[in-house]
Amino acid sequence: MAAESKAYAKPLPHLDEENRPWWEALKRHELYLQRCRDCGATRYYPRALCPECLSSQTEWLRSRGAGKVYTFTTTWQNATPGFRESLPYVLAYVELDEGLKLLTNIVDCPPEQVRIGMPVTVVFDDVTPEVTLAKFRPVP
């Protein structure tokens, strides 16, 4: 998915040493997840310490980017600049095949057709030259 030519009006993430590999992978149109090398727990969102055992031993695993809609809401009204231009939009938790849930948007689908359990796949939205977002669309 290519970004529009006008400036991106929504908030952008702050890249730091904990999350930089996540954002760099998205920029390459790849979805990676963290896994603890000590206890094996996978995690999202990216962070320095494992929330299960507090280990700092982390590895990155490539995800297939396939999953299903776990839950969602459709936003029909939002007066905030950047968001009002995208109305209506679907905010969802997608449960990846690897078991993690990601907060994201469902795109390329009319909001009234989104369903819990609907199979989805990752798409990459290059919103600026530096930032790419992971969004999901229905599997054809």
Protein backbone atom coordinates (compact mmCIF):
# COMPACT_ATOMS: atom_id res chain seq x y z
CA MET A 1 0.00 0.00 0.00
CA ALA A 2 1.55 3.32 -0.94
CA ALA A 3 1.12 6.42 1.18
CA GLU A 4 -0.68 9.40 -0.28
CA SER A 5 1.45 12.25 -1.54
CA LYS A 6 0.27 14.70 1.13
CA ALA A 7 1.90 14.81 4.56
CA TYR A 8 0.91 12.11 7.04
CA ALA A 9 -1.29 13.79 9.67
CA LYS A 10 -1.58 11.05 12.32
CA PRO A 11 0.86 10.60 15.22
CA LEU A 12 4.06 8.77 14.34
CA PRO A 13 5.91 6.29 16.56
CA HIS A 14 9.02 7.14 18.51
CA LEU A 15 11.81 4.81 17.47
CA ASP A 16 14.23 3.73 20.19
CA GLU A 17 16.69 0.89 20.78
CA GLU A 18 13.96 -1.45 22.07
CA ASN A 19 11.63 -1.14 19.09
CA ARG A 20 13.98 -0.16 16.24
CA PRO A 21 14.29 -3.73 14.82
CA TRP A 22 10.45 -3.91 14.63
CA TRP A 23 10.20 -0.67 12.65
CA GLU A 24 13.18 -1.50 10.42
CA ALA A 25 11.58 -4.85 9.52
CA LEU A 26 8.26 -3.17 8.70
CA LYS A 27 10.10 -0.72 6.46
CA ARG A 28 11.44 -3.77 4.54
CA HIS A 29 7.82 -5.07 4.39
CA GLU A 30 8.57 -7.88 6.84
CA LEU A 31 6.76 -8.66 10.09
CA TYR A 32 8.94 -9.86 12.96
CA LEU A 33 8.05 -10.86 16.52
CA GLN A 34 10.21 -11.05 19.63
CA ARG A 35 10.89 -14.30 21.47
CA CYS A 36 12.68 -14.76 24.78
CA ARG A 37 15.75 -16.95 24.38
CA ASP A 38 15.48 -18.09 28.01
CA CYS A 39 11.82 -19.08 28.48
CA GLY A 40 10.62 -19.16 24.84
CA ALA A 41 7.72 -16.72 25.33
CA THR A 42 6.83 -14.64 22.27
CA ARG A 43 5.76 -11.07 22.80
CA TYR A 44 4.29 -8.00 21.23
CA TYR A 45 4.86 -5.04 21.64
CA PRO A 46 8.68 -4.91 21.33
CA ARG A 47 10.51 -4.36 24.62
CA ALA A 48 13.86 -5.01 26.20
CA LEU A 49 12.74 -7.44 28.92
CA CYS A 50 10.60 -10.54 28.69
CA PRO A 51 7.33 -9.94 30.60
CA GLU A 52 7.29 -13.63 31.64
CA CYS A 53 10.79 -14.12 33.11
CA LEU A 54 12.40 -10.63 32.88
CA SER A 55 15.25 -11.95 30.72
CA SER A 56 16.96 -9.52 28.37
CA GLN A 57 17.90 -12.36 25.97
CA THR A 58 15.78 -11.65 22.89
CA GLU A 59 15.61 -13.01 19.37
CA TRP A 60 13.48 -11.90 16.43
CA LEU A 61 11.35 -14.35 14.46
CA ARG A 62 9.80 -13.67 11.09
CA SER A 63 6.01 -13.98 11.06
CA ARG A 64 4.00 -15.17 8.07
CA GLY A 65 1.66 -12.26 8.77
CA ALA A 66 -1.41 -14.49 8.73
CA GLY A 67 -4.09 -14.47 11.38
CA LYS A 68 -7.71 -13.78 12.18
CA VAL A 69 -9.73 -10.91 13.60
CA TYR A 70 -9.94 -11.46 17.36
CA THR A 71 -12.14 -8.43 18.05
CA PHE A 72 -12.80 -5.06 16.43
CA THR A 73 -14.62 -1.77 16.53
CA THR A 74 -15.62 0.57 13.74
CA THR A 75 -15.09 4.29 14.23
CA TRP A 76 -17.68 6.39 12.41
CA GLN A 77 -16.95 9.76 14.07
CA ASN A 78 -13.60 11.33 14.94
CA ALA A 79 -12.96 15.06 14.62
CA THR A 80 -9.19 14.72 15.11
CA PRO A 81 -7.19 15.87 12.06
CA GLY A 82 -5.72 12.90 10.22
CA PHE A 83 -8.34 10.53 11.58
CA ARG A 84 -11.47 12.30 10.34
CA GLU A 85 -10.17 11.96 6.76
CA SER A 86 -10.03 8.16 7.19
CA LEU A 87 -13.62 7.66 8.41
CA PRO A 88 -14.99 5.11 8.78
CA TYR A 89 -12.09 2.91 9.91
CA VAL A 90 -11.80 -0.41 11.68
CA LEU A 91 -9.53 -0.82 14.70
CA ALA A 92 -8.95 -4.47 15.54
CA TYR A 93 -6.94 -6.95 17.48
CA VAL A 94 -5.60 -9.53 15.06
CA GLU A 95 -4.51 -12.85 16.49
CA LEU A 96 -1.53 -14.03 14.46
CA ASP A 97 -1.05 -17.72 13.70
CA GLU A 98 1.92 -17.51 16.09
CA GLY A 99 -0.55 -16.74 18.91
CA LEU A 100 0.15 -13.06 19.55
CA LYS A 101 -2.48 -10.34 19.28
CA LEU A 102 -1.64 -7.06 17.53
CA LEU A 103 -3.64 -3.83 17.64
CA THR A 104 -4.04 -2.70 14.04
CA ASN A 105 -6.40 -1.53 11.32
CA ILE A 106 -8.42 -3.68 8.95
CA VAL A 107 -8.20 -2.23 5.44
CA ASP A 108 -9.46 -3.03 1.95
CA CYS A 109 -12.78 -4.18 3.39
CA PRO A 110 -16.06 -2.35 4.00
CA PRO A 111 -16.48 -1.99 7.78
CA GLU A 112 -19.84 -3.79 7.73
CA GLN A 113 -18.14 -6.91 6.30
CA VAL A 114 -15.53 -7.29 9.07
CA ARG A 115 -16.25 -10.30 11.30
CA ILE A 116 -14.65 -11.89 14.35
CA GLY A 117 -12.70 -14.92 13.16
CA MET A 118 -12.26 -13.52 9.65
CA PRO A 119 -8.92 -14.66 8.15
CA VAL A 120 -6.57 -11.73 7.44
CA THR A 121 -3.07 -11.13 6.14
CA VAL A 122 -0.60 -8.33 6.74
CA VAL A 123 -0.19 -5.42 4.34
CA PHE A 124 2.39 -2.68 4.70
CA ASP A 125 1.47 1.00 4.63
CA ASP A 126 4.46 3.25 3.91
CA VAL A 127 3.12 6.37 5.65
CA THR A 128 6.41 8.31 5.51
CA PRO A 129 9.84 7.52 4.05
CA GLU A 130 10.91 6.43 7.56
CA VAL A 131 7.77 4.74 8.93
CA THR A 132 5.79 1.77 7.66
CA LEU A 133 2.72 0.48 9.51
CA ALA A 134 1.46 -3.11 9.61
CA LYS A 135 -2.23 -3.29 8.74
CA PHE A 136 -4.36 -6.27 7.79
CA ARG A 137 -6.81 -7.08 5.01
CA PRO A 138 -9.13 -10.03 4.46
CA VAL A 139 -7.69 -13.13 2.83
CA PRO A 140 -9.30 -13.45 -0.63
